[in-house]
N, C-alpha and C. Protein backbone atom coordinates (compact mmCIF):
# COMPACT_ATOMS: atom_id res chain seq x y z
N MET A 1 -24.42 23.02 1.41
CA MET A 1 -23.50 23.33 0.36
C MET A 1 -23.01 22.02 -0.26
N HIS A 2 -23.04 21.95 -1.57
CA HIS A 2 -22.60 20.76 -2.28
C HIS A 2 -21.26 21.03 -2.95
N ALA A 3 -20.40 20.07 -2.83
CA ALA A 3 -19.09 20.19 -3.47
C ALA A 3 -19.23 19.82 -4.94
N GLU A 4 -18.50 20.52 -5.76
CA GLU A 4 -18.48 20.21 -7.18
C GLU A 4 -17.76 18.89 -7.40
N PRO A 5 -18.30 18.04 -8.25
CA PRO A 5 -17.58 16.78 -8.53
C PRO A 5 -16.27 17.08 -9.26
N ARG A 6 -15.25 16.33 -8.91
CA ARG A 6 -13.95 16.51 -9.53
C ARG A 6 -13.81 15.53 -10.68
N PHE A 7 -13.33 16.03 -11.80
CA PHE A 7 -13.10 15.18 -12.97
C PHE A 7 -11.78 14.45 -12.81
N HIS A 8 -11.82 13.17 -12.98
CA HIS A 8 -10.61 12.36 -12.98
C HIS A 8 -10.33 11.96 -14.42
N GLY A 9 -9.15 12.28 -14.88
CA GLY A 9 -8.77 11.97 -16.24
C GLY A 9 -8.73 10.48 -16.49
N PRO A 10 -8.64 10.10 -17.76
CA PRO A 10 -8.58 8.68 -18.09
C PRO A 10 -7.32 8.03 -17.51
N VAL A 11 -7.45 6.78 -17.15
CA VAL A 11 -6.35 6.01 -16.57
C VAL A 11 -6.11 4.80 -17.46
N THR A 12 -4.88 4.57 -17.81
CA THR A 12 -4.54 3.39 -18.59
C THR A 12 -3.90 2.37 -17.65
N VAL A 13 -4.45 1.18 -17.68
CA VAL A 13 -3.91 0.08 -16.88
C VAL A 13 -3.62 -1.07 -17.83
N ARG A 14 -2.44 -1.59 -17.73
CA ARG A 14 -2.08 -2.77 -18.52
C ARG A 14 -1.88 -3.92 -17.56
N THR A 15 -2.42 -5.09 -17.92
CA THR A 15 -2.28 -6.26 -17.07
C THR A 15 -1.79 -7.45 -17.89
N PHE A 16 -1.13 -8.33 -17.19
CA PHE A 16 -0.64 -9.58 -17.79
C PHE A 16 -0.68 -10.63 -16.70
N THR A 17 -1.25 -11.79 -17.00
CA THR A 17 -1.32 -12.89 -16.04
C THR A 17 -1.03 -14.20 -16.76
N GLN A 18 -0.23 -15.05 -16.12
CA GLN A 18 0.10 -16.34 -16.73
C GLN A 18 0.42 -17.35 -15.64
N LEU A 19 -0.01 -18.59 -15.84
CA LEU A 19 0.37 -19.71 -14.96
C LEU A 19 1.59 -20.39 -15.53
N PHE A 20 2.47 -20.86 -14.64
CA PHE A 20 3.68 -21.58 -15.04
C PHE A 20 3.81 -22.83 -14.20
N SER A 21 4.43 -23.86 -14.76
CA SER A 21 4.70 -25.06 -13.98
C SER A 21 5.71 -24.71 -12.89
N CYS A 22 5.56 -25.31 -11.75
CA CYS A 22 6.42 -25.00 -10.60
C CYS A 22 7.72 -25.80 -10.70
N THR A 23 8.49 -25.48 -11.74
CA THR A 23 9.75 -26.14 -12.04
C THR A 23 10.78 -25.07 -12.40
N PRO A 24 12.05 -25.40 -12.41
CA PRO A 24 13.05 -24.42 -12.86
C PRO A 24 12.76 -23.91 -14.28
N ARG A 25 12.29 -24.78 -15.14
CA ARG A 25 11.93 -24.34 -16.49
C ARG A 25 10.78 -23.35 -16.46
N GLY A 26 9.80 -23.56 -15.57
CA GLY A 26 8.70 -22.62 -15.43
C GLY A 26 9.18 -21.25 -14.98
N ALA A 27 10.13 -21.22 -14.04
CA ALA A 27 10.70 -19.95 -13.59
C ALA A 27 11.45 -19.26 -14.72
N TRP A 28 12.18 -20.03 -15.51
CA TRP A 28 12.91 -19.49 -16.65
C TRP A 28 11.94 -18.90 -17.67
N LEU A 29 10.86 -19.64 -17.96
CA LEU A 29 9.86 -19.16 -18.91
C LEU A 29 9.17 -17.89 -18.40
N ALA A 30 8.91 -17.82 -17.10
CA ALA A 30 8.28 -16.63 -16.52
C ALA A 30 9.16 -15.42 -16.76
N ARG A 31 10.45 -15.56 -16.49
CA ARG A 31 11.38 -14.45 -16.70
C ARG A 31 11.40 -14.02 -18.16
N ARG A 32 11.49 -14.98 -19.05
CA ARG A 32 11.55 -14.67 -20.49
C ARG A 32 10.27 -14.00 -20.98
N LEU A 33 9.12 -14.53 -20.56
CA LEU A 33 7.85 -13.99 -21.01
C LEU A 33 7.61 -12.58 -20.46
N VAL A 34 8.01 -12.34 -19.23
CA VAL A 34 7.87 -11.01 -18.64
C VAL A 34 8.80 -10.01 -19.35
N ALA A 35 10.01 -10.42 -19.67
CA ALA A 35 10.92 -9.54 -20.40
C ALA A 35 10.30 -9.16 -21.75
N HIS A 36 9.70 -10.12 -22.40
CA HIS A 36 9.04 -9.85 -23.68
C HIS A 36 7.84 -8.91 -23.49
N ARG A 37 7.03 -9.17 -22.47
CA ARG A 37 5.85 -8.33 -22.23
C ARG A 37 6.27 -6.89 -21.95
N MET A 38 7.31 -6.70 -21.16
CA MET A 38 7.78 -5.35 -20.87
C MET A 38 8.24 -4.66 -22.16
N ASP A 39 8.89 -5.41 -23.05
CA ASP A 39 9.32 -4.84 -24.33
C ASP A 39 8.10 -4.45 -25.16
N VAL A 40 7.08 -5.29 -25.19
CA VAL A 40 5.86 -4.98 -25.94
C VAL A 40 5.19 -3.73 -25.38
N TRP A 41 5.25 -3.56 -24.07
CA TRP A 41 4.66 -2.37 -23.43
C TRP A 41 5.51 -1.13 -23.63
N GLY A 42 6.67 -1.25 -24.26
CA GLY A 42 7.50 -0.09 -24.56
C GLY A 42 8.72 0.08 -23.68
N PHE A 43 9.04 -0.92 -22.87
CA PHE A 43 10.21 -0.87 -22.01
C PHE A 43 11.23 -1.87 -22.58
N PRO A 44 12.26 -1.39 -23.28
CA PRO A 44 13.17 -2.29 -23.99
C PRO A 44 13.90 -3.28 -23.08
N TYR A 45 14.30 -4.38 -23.68
CA TYR A 45 15.03 -5.42 -22.97
C TYR A 45 16.23 -4.87 -22.21
N ASP A 46 16.96 -3.97 -22.85
CA ASP A 46 18.19 -3.46 -22.24
C ASP A 46 17.98 -2.17 -21.45
N GLY A 47 16.74 -1.77 -21.23
CA GLY A 47 16.46 -0.57 -20.44
C GLY A 47 16.32 -0.91 -18.96
N ASP A 48 16.53 0.08 -18.11
CA ASP A 48 16.46 -0.15 -16.67
C ASP A 48 15.10 -0.67 -16.22
N ALA A 49 14.01 -0.09 -16.73
CA ALA A 49 12.68 -0.50 -16.28
C ALA A 49 12.42 -1.97 -16.60
N GLY A 50 12.67 -2.36 -17.84
CA GLY A 50 12.45 -3.75 -18.23
C GLY A 50 13.34 -4.71 -17.47
N GLU A 51 14.60 -4.34 -17.29
CA GLU A 51 15.52 -5.21 -16.55
C GLU A 51 15.13 -5.33 -15.09
N ASN A 52 14.69 -4.22 -14.47
CA ASN A 52 14.32 -4.28 -13.05
C ASN A 52 13.09 -5.15 -12.81
N VAL A 53 12.08 -5.00 -13.65
CA VAL A 53 10.87 -5.83 -13.49
C VAL A 53 11.21 -7.29 -13.75
N THR A 54 12.01 -7.55 -14.77
CA THR A 54 12.40 -8.93 -15.08
C THR A 54 13.21 -9.53 -13.94
N LEU A 55 14.09 -8.77 -13.34
CA LEU A 55 14.87 -9.25 -12.19
C LEU A 55 13.95 -9.62 -11.03
N VAL A 56 13.00 -8.77 -10.73
CA VAL A 56 12.07 -9.05 -9.62
C VAL A 56 11.29 -10.33 -9.91
N VAL A 57 10.79 -10.47 -11.13
CA VAL A 57 10.04 -11.68 -11.48
C VAL A 57 10.94 -12.90 -11.38
N ALA A 58 12.17 -12.80 -11.86
CA ALA A 58 13.09 -13.94 -11.81
C ALA A 58 13.31 -14.39 -10.37
N GLU A 59 13.53 -13.45 -9.47
CA GLU A 59 13.79 -13.80 -8.07
C GLU A 59 12.55 -14.38 -7.40
N LEU A 60 11.40 -13.74 -7.60
CA LEU A 60 10.18 -14.24 -6.96
C LEU A 60 9.74 -15.58 -7.55
N ALA A 61 9.93 -15.76 -8.84
CA ALA A 61 9.58 -17.05 -9.46
C ALA A 61 10.52 -18.15 -8.97
N ALA A 62 11.81 -17.84 -8.84
CA ALA A 62 12.76 -18.83 -8.31
C ALA A 62 12.38 -19.22 -6.88
N ASN A 63 11.97 -18.25 -6.07
CA ASN A 63 11.53 -18.56 -4.71
C ASN A 63 10.26 -19.41 -4.72
N ALA A 64 9.34 -19.12 -5.64
CA ALA A 64 8.11 -19.91 -5.72
C ALA A 64 8.44 -21.36 -6.05
N VAL A 65 9.39 -21.56 -6.95
CA VAL A 65 9.77 -22.92 -7.34
C VAL A 65 10.53 -23.61 -6.22
N ARG A 66 11.44 -22.89 -5.59
CA ARG A 66 12.29 -23.52 -4.57
C ARG A 66 11.58 -23.71 -3.23
N HIS A 67 10.83 -22.70 -2.80
CA HIS A 67 10.26 -22.73 -1.46
C HIS A 67 8.74 -22.88 -1.44
N GLY A 68 8.07 -22.65 -2.56
CA GLY A 68 6.61 -22.68 -2.58
C GLY A 68 6.02 -23.81 -3.39
N ARG A 69 6.84 -24.75 -3.77
CA ARG A 69 6.38 -25.84 -4.64
C ARG A 69 5.53 -26.83 -3.88
N VAL A 70 4.39 -27.15 -4.48
CA VAL A 70 3.51 -28.22 -4.02
C VAL A 70 3.22 -29.06 -5.27
N PRO A 71 3.48 -30.37 -5.21
CA PRO A 71 3.23 -31.21 -6.40
C PRO A 71 1.80 -31.02 -6.92
N GLY A 72 1.71 -30.82 -8.23
CA GLY A 72 0.42 -30.66 -8.87
C GLY A 72 -0.11 -29.24 -8.91
N ARG A 73 0.60 -28.30 -8.31
CA ARG A 73 0.16 -26.90 -8.33
C ARG A 73 1.16 -26.05 -9.10
N ASP A 74 0.63 -25.13 -9.87
CA ASP A 74 1.45 -24.20 -10.62
C ASP A 74 1.65 -22.93 -9.81
N PHE A 75 2.50 -22.04 -10.32
CA PHE A 75 2.58 -20.70 -9.73
C PHE A 75 2.11 -19.71 -10.79
N ARG A 76 1.62 -18.56 -10.32
CA ARG A 76 1.06 -17.56 -11.21
C ARG A 76 1.87 -16.27 -11.11
N VAL A 77 2.11 -15.66 -12.25
CA VAL A 77 2.75 -14.35 -12.32
C VAL A 77 1.72 -13.38 -12.88
N ARG A 78 1.62 -12.24 -12.21
CA ARG A 78 0.70 -11.20 -12.65
C ARG A 78 1.44 -9.87 -12.62
N LEU A 79 1.32 -9.10 -13.71
CA LEU A 79 1.88 -7.76 -13.79
C LEU A 79 0.73 -6.78 -13.97
N VAL A 80 0.79 -5.67 -13.27
CA VAL A 80 -0.17 -4.60 -13.46
C VAL A 80 0.63 -3.30 -13.58
N LEU A 81 0.51 -2.63 -14.72
CA LEU A 81 1.18 -1.35 -14.95
C LEU A 81 0.14 -0.25 -14.81
N ARG A 82 0.36 0.64 -13.86
CA ARG A 82 -0.55 1.75 -13.64
C ARG A 82 0.22 2.91 -13.03
N ASP A 83 0.03 4.07 -13.58
CA ASP A 83 0.62 5.30 -13.06
C ASP A 83 2.13 5.18 -12.86
N GLY A 84 2.81 4.56 -13.79
CA GLY A 84 4.26 4.49 -13.74
C GLY A 84 4.84 3.45 -12.81
N VAL A 85 4.00 2.57 -12.27
CA VAL A 85 4.47 1.52 -11.38
C VAL A 85 3.98 0.18 -11.90
N VAL A 86 4.91 -0.78 -11.96
CA VAL A 86 4.52 -2.16 -12.29
C VAL A 86 4.45 -2.93 -10.98
N ARG A 87 3.28 -3.46 -10.70
CA ARG A 87 3.11 -4.32 -9.53
C ARG A 87 3.28 -5.75 -10.02
N VAL A 88 4.27 -6.42 -9.46
CA VAL A 88 4.56 -7.82 -9.78
C VAL A 88 3.97 -8.66 -8.66
N GLU A 89 3.19 -9.66 -9.03
CA GLU A 89 2.63 -10.58 -8.04
C GLU A 89 2.97 -12.00 -8.47
N VAL A 90 3.50 -12.77 -7.53
CA VAL A 90 3.78 -14.19 -7.79
C VAL A 90 3.04 -14.97 -6.71
N ALA A 91 2.13 -15.83 -7.14
CA ALA A 91 1.35 -16.65 -6.21
C ALA A 91 1.86 -18.08 -6.29
N ASP A 92 2.11 -18.69 -5.12
CA ASP A 92 2.55 -20.08 -5.10
C ASP A 92 1.68 -20.88 -4.14
N GLY A 93 1.89 -22.18 -4.12
CA GLY A 93 1.03 -23.11 -3.39
C GLY A 93 1.39 -23.39 -1.95
N ARG A 94 2.30 -22.64 -1.36
CA ARG A 94 2.69 -22.89 0.04
C ARG A 94 2.38 -21.67 0.90
N PRO A 95 1.13 -21.51 1.34
CA PRO A 95 0.77 -20.31 2.11
C PRO A 95 1.42 -20.26 3.49
N GLU A 96 1.87 -21.41 3.99
CA GLU A 96 2.47 -21.43 5.33
C GLU A 96 3.93 -21.01 5.32
N ARG A 97 4.58 -20.98 4.16
CA ARG A 97 6.00 -20.60 4.07
C ARG A 97 6.11 -19.18 3.56
N LEU A 98 6.26 -18.26 4.50
CA LEU A 98 6.38 -16.84 4.14
C LEU A 98 7.84 -16.47 3.93
N PRO A 99 8.13 -15.65 2.92
CA PRO A 99 9.53 -15.27 2.68
C PRO A 99 10.06 -14.38 3.80
N VAL A 100 11.33 -14.56 4.09
CA VAL A 100 12.01 -13.78 5.13
C VAL A 100 13.28 -13.20 4.54
N LEU A 101 13.47 -11.91 4.72
CA LEU A 101 14.68 -11.26 4.25
C LEU A 101 15.82 -11.60 5.21
N ARG A 102 16.83 -12.32 4.71
CA ARG A 102 17.97 -12.74 5.53
C ARG A 102 19.25 -12.22 4.91
N GLU A 103 20.29 -12.23 5.71
CA GLU A 103 21.60 -11.87 5.20
C GLU A 103 22.10 -12.99 4.29
N PRO A 104 22.76 -12.62 3.18
CA PRO A 104 23.32 -13.66 2.30
C PRO A 104 24.31 -14.52 3.07
N GLY A 105 24.27 -15.80 2.80
CA GLY A 105 25.17 -16.74 3.46
C GLY A 105 24.60 -17.30 4.75
N ALA A 106 23.58 -16.64 5.32
CA ALA A 106 22.94 -17.17 6.53
C ALA A 106 22.16 -18.42 6.12
N ALA A 107 21.83 -19.24 7.08
CA ALA A 107 21.11 -20.47 6.79
C ALA A 107 19.85 -20.16 5.98
N GLY A 108 19.81 -20.68 4.76
CA GLY A 108 18.65 -20.48 3.90
C GLY A 108 18.57 -19.10 3.27
N GLY A 109 19.58 -18.26 3.49
CA GLY A 109 19.54 -16.90 2.97
C GLY A 109 20.34 -16.77 1.69
N GLY A 110 19.77 -16.07 0.73
CA GLY A 110 20.46 -15.79 -0.52
C GLY A 110 20.33 -14.32 -0.83
N TYR A 111 20.64 -13.97 -2.04
CA TYR A 111 20.58 -12.57 -2.45
C TYR A 111 19.24 -12.18 -3.03
N GLY A 112 18.35 -13.13 -3.28
CA GLY A 112 17.10 -12.88 -3.98
C GLY A 112 16.26 -11.75 -3.42
N LEU A 113 15.85 -11.86 -2.17
CA LEU A 113 14.99 -10.82 -1.60
C LEU A 113 15.75 -9.52 -1.35
N LEU A 114 17.06 -9.60 -1.15
CA LEU A 114 17.85 -8.37 -1.05
C LEU A 114 17.81 -7.61 -2.37
N LEU A 115 17.90 -8.34 -3.48
CA LEU A 115 17.81 -7.71 -4.79
C LEU A 115 16.43 -7.11 -5.01
N VAL A 116 15.40 -7.86 -4.64
CA VAL A 116 14.03 -7.37 -4.79
C VAL A 116 13.85 -6.09 -3.97
N SER A 117 14.31 -6.09 -2.72
CA SER A 117 14.13 -4.91 -1.88
C SER A 117 14.95 -3.72 -2.38
N ALA A 118 16.05 -3.98 -3.07
CA ALA A 118 16.87 -2.89 -3.61
C ALA A 118 16.24 -2.28 -4.86
N VAL A 119 15.58 -3.09 -5.67
CA VAL A 119 15.02 -2.64 -6.94
C VAL A 119 13.60 -2.10 -6.77
N ALA A 120 12.81 -2.73 -5.93
CA ALA A 120 11.40 -2.35 -5.77
C ALA A 120 11.25 -1.20 -4.77
N GLU A 121 10.22 -0.41 -4.99
CA GLU A 121 9.91 0.64 -4.02
C GLU A 121 9.34 0.04 -2.74
N ARG A 122 8.53 -1.01 -2.92
CA ARG A 122 7.95 -1.72 -1.77
C ARG A 122 7.76 -3.17 -2.19
N TRP A 123 7.73 -4.04 -1.21
CA TRP A 123 7.40 -5.44 -1.47
C TRP A 123 6.78 -6.01 -0.22
N GLY A 124 6.09 -7.12 -0.37
CA GLY A 124 5.46 -7.74 0.78
C GLY A 124 4.83 -9.07 0.42
N VAL A 125 4.10 -9.60 1.38
CA VAL A 125 3.45 -10.90 1.23
C VAL A 125 2.01 -10.75 1.64
N GLU A 126 1.13 -11.36 0.89
CA GLU A 126 -0.28 -11.40 1.23
C GLU A 126 -0.67 -12.86 1.46
N PRO A 127 -0.59 -13.31 2.71
CA PRO A 127 -1.06 -14.66 2.97
C PRO A 127 -2.57 -14.67 2.79
N ARG A 128 -3.08 -15.71 2.27
CA ARG A 128 -4.52 -15.84 2.03
C ARG A 128 -5.08 -16.90 2.97
N PRO A 129 -5.50 -16.50 4.19
CA PRO A 129 -6.02 -17.48 5.14
C PRO A 129 -7.16 -18.30 4.53
N GLY A 130 -7.07 -19.58 4.72
CA GLY A 130 -8.10 -20.47 4.19
C GLY A 130 -7.92 -20.82 2.73
N CYS A 131 -6.92 -20.24 2.08
CA CYS A 131 -6.68 -20.53 0.66
C CYS A 131 -5.43 -21.38 0.54
N ALA A 132 -5.27 -21.97 -0.60
CA ALA A 132 -4.14 -22.87 -0.83
C ALA A 132 -2.97 -22.15 -1.49
N TYR A 133 -2.89 -20.83 -1.35
CA TYR A 133 -1.77 -20.10 -1.94
C TYR A 133 -1.52 -18.81 -1.17
N LYS A 134 -0.37 -18.20 -1.47
CA LYS A 134 -0.02 -16.87 -0.97
C LYS A 134 0.49 -16.06 -2.15
N VAL A 135 0.51 -14.75 -1.99
CA VAL A 135 0.99 -13.86 -3.04
C VAL A 135 2.16 -13.05 -2.49
N VAL A 136 3.30 -13.13 -3.16
CA VAL A 136 4.44 -12.27 -2.86
C VAL A 136 4.43 -11.20 -3.95
N TRP A 137 4.48 -9.94 -3.55
CA TRP A 137 4.37 -8.85 -4.51
C TRP A 137 5.50 -7.84 -4.33
N ALA A 138 5.72 -7.09 -5.39
CA ALA A 138 6.70 -6.00 -5.36
C ALA A 138 6.23 -4.93 -6.33
N GLU A 139 6.51 -3.68 -6.00
CA GLU A 139 6.14 -2.58 -6.88
C GLU A 139 7.42 -1.89 -7.37
N VAL A 140 7.55 -1.83 -8.69
CA VAL A 140 8.74 -1.28 -9.33
C VAL A 140 8.32 -0.05 -10.14
N ARG A 141 8.91 1.10 -9.82
CA ARG A 141 8.61 2.32 -10.58
C ARG A 141 9.34 2.25 -11.91
N VAL A 142 8.57 2.48 -13.01
CA VAL A 142 9.16 2.43 -14.34
C VAL A 142 9.17 3.80 -15.01
N TRP A 143 8.34 4.71 -14.56
CA TRP A 143 8.36 6.10 -15.00
C TRP A 143 7.52 6.92 -14.03
N ARG A 144 7.72 8.22 -14.10
CA ARG A 144 6.99 9.14 -13.22
C ARG A 144 5.88 9.82 -14.01
N PRO A 145 4.78 10.18 -13.37
CA PRO A 145 3.70 10.88 -14.06
C PRO A 145 4.20 12.17 -14.70
N ALA A 146 3.47 12.66 -15.69
CA ALA A 146 3.85 13.87 -16.43
C ALA A 146 4.18 15.01 -15.47
N GLY A 147 5.27 15.70 -15.76
CA GLY A 147 5.68 16.83 -14.96
C GLY A 147 6.54 16.47 -13.76
N ALA A 148 6.76 15.17 -13.52
CA ALA A 148 7.53 14.75 -12.35
C ALA A 148 8.88 14.16 -12.74
N GLY A 149 9.28 14.32 -13.98
CA GLY A 149 10.59 13.79 -14.37
C GLY A 149 10.46 12.87 -15.57
N LEU A 150 10.68 11.62 -15.38
CA LEU A 150 10.62 10.66 -16.47
C LEU A 150 9.22 10.55 -17.03
N GLU A 151 9.10 10.48 -18.33
CA GLU A 151 7.81 10.33 -18.99
C GLU A 151 7.63 8.89 -19.42
N PRO A 152 6.39 8.46 -19.64
CA PRO A 152 6.18 7.08 -20.09
C PRO A 152 6.77 6.86 -21.47
N PRO A 153 7.12 5.62 -21.79
CA PRO A 153 7.66 5.35 -23.12
C PRO A 153 6.58 5.57 -24.17
N HIS A 154 7.00 5.95 -25.35
CA HIS A 154 6.06 6.16 -26.44
C HIS A 154 5.86 4.86 -27.19
N ARG A 155 4.68 4.72 -27.76
CA ARG A 155 4.42 3.53 -28.57
C ARG A 155 5.34 3.54 -29.78
N ARG A 156 5.70 2.34 -30.18
CA ARG A 156 6.54 2.24 -31.37
C ARG A 156 5.63 2.26 -32.59
N ALA A 157 5.58 3.38 -33.27
CA ALA A 157 4.70 3.50 -34.42
C ALA A 157 5.39 3.07 -35.70
N ALA A 158 6.70 3.02 -35.70
CA ALA A 158 7.44 2.71 -36.93
C ALA A 158 7.10 1.33 -37.47
N ASP A 159 6.96 0.34 -36.57
CA ASP A 159 6.67 -1.01 -37.06
C ASP A 159 5.18 -1.31 -37.09
N GLY A 160 4.35 -0.36 -36.65
CA GLY A 160 2.91 -0.54 -36.70
C GLY A 160 2.37 -1.46 -35.64
N ALA A 161 3.20 -1.93 -34.74
CA ALA A 161 2.74 -2.88 -33.73
C ALA A 161 2.06 -2.13 -32.60
N GLY A 162 0.92 -2.66 -32.15
CA GLY A 162 0.25 -2.11 -30.98
C GLY A 162 0.95 -2.60 -29.73
N ASP A 163 0.51 -2.09 -28.59
CA ASP A 163 1.15 -2.50 -27.35
C ASP A 163 0.60 -3.81 -26.82
N GLY A 164 -0.55 -4.24 -27.31
CA GLY A 164 -1.08 -5.54 -26.89
C GLY A 164 -1.55 -5.57 -25.45
N GLY A 165 -1.55 -4.44 -24.76
CA GLY A 165 -1.94 -4.42 -23.36
C GLY A 165 -3.43 -4.27 -23.19
N ALA A 166 -3.92 -4.57 -22.03
CA ALA A 166 -5.32 -4.38 -21.72
C ALA A 166 -5.49 -2.96 -21.22
N ASP A 167 -6.12 -2.12 -22.02
CA ASP A 167 -6.29 -0.74 -21.65
C ASP A 167 -7.59 -0.58 -20.88
N VAL A 168 -7.53 0.12 -19.80
CA VAL A 168 -8.73 0.36 -19.01
C VAL A 168 -9.01 1.85 -19.04
N TYR A 169 -10.16 2.22 -19.55
CA TYR A 169 -10.55 3.61 -19.61
C TYR A 169 -11.93 3.71 -18.98
N ARG A 170 -11.97 4.33 -17.82
CA ARG A 170 -13.20 4.50 -17.08
C ARG A 170 -13.93 3.18 -16.88
N GLY A 171 -13.18 2.14 -16.50
CA GLY A 171 -13.79 0.88 -16.10
C GLY A 171 -14.06 -0.12 -17.20
N THR A 172 -13.74 0.19 -18.46
CA THR A 172 -13.96 -0.77 -19.52
C THR A 172 -12.62 -1.34 -19.94
N THR A 173 -12.61 -2.58 -20.36
CA THR A 173 -11.36 -3.22 -20.76
C THR A 173 -11.39 -3.57 -22.24
N ARG A 174 -10.20 -3.61 -22.82
CA ARG A 174 -10.03 -4.00 -24.21
C ARG A 174 -8.81 -4.91 -24.29
N GLY A 175 -8.93 -6.01 -25.00
CA GLY A 175 -7.77 -6.86 -25.25
C GLY A 175 -7.48 -7.85 -24.14
N GLN A 176 -8.46 -8.14 -23.32
CA GLN A 176 -8.21 -9.05 -22.21
C GLN A 176 -9.15 -10.24 -22.32
N THR A 177 -8.63 -11.44 -22.13
CA THR A 177 -9.42 -12.65 -22.16
C THR A 177 -9.09 -13.48 -20.93
N ARG A 178 -10.08 -13.77 -20.11
CA ARG A 178 -9.88 -14.58 -18.91
C ARG A 178 -8.74 -14.08 -18.04
N GLY A 179 -8.55 -12.77 -17.98
CA GLY A 179 -7.51 -12.21 -17.12
C GLY A 179 -6.11 -12.30 -17.70
N VAL A 180 -5.97 -12.93 -18.85
CA VAL A 180 -4.64 -13.08 -19.46
C VAL A 180 -4.52 -12.14 -20.63
N ASP A 181 -3.48 -11.33 -20.63
CA ASP A 181 -3.23 -10.41 -21.71
C ASP A 181 -2.86 -11.21 -22.95
N ARG A 182 -3.66 -11.16 -23.95
CA ARG A 182 -3.42 -11.90 -25.20
C ARG A 182 -2.93 -10.93 -26.24
N GLY A 183 -1.75 -10.38 -26.03
CA GLY A 183 -1.18 -9.38 -26.94
C GLY A 183 -1.09 -9.87 -28.36
N THR A 184 -0.96 -8.93 -29.27
CA THR A 184 -0.92 -9.26 -30.68
C THR A 184 0.49 -9.56 -31.16
N SER A 185 1.45 -9.53 -30.26
CA SER A 185 2.84 -9.74 -30.69
C SER A 185 3.13 -11.19 -30.92
């Protein structure tokens, strides 16, 4: 007996990747650029989804600059929006220094990872054995699939601007160059 193949509907995936200098200015630019990208994707600056993702990026980028800095190496921010979840990934050059959730005020402890754990559904670290970097990631829900409550934001058609995201439909990509989302905004 053969099972009938199941049809899987189209899936839209938006990605954004950028390298930043491992400096306080680089962390500031990462936060600003991510806030802009979320707005382009339809999550306004003053909306919960955009603010939550921007907060997570700000905290993880600050940690990359403060604790993951290696002279001559940048840090990378990557966003992937799929099925109502934005996965934030920040890669830095110190694979041996893994983040630890501590109480604020404890030696070396601040509010950063507490904020990330409060805003994100999940977060973690992917050490890359044998590599010169590690990835700290967090997943932030920005909307629920159809029929489950919140719906995805609608494209802004009034100004004629596209979303600039890399759309993936059955394995093909559009609007992506070298892994970096080159939006039209």
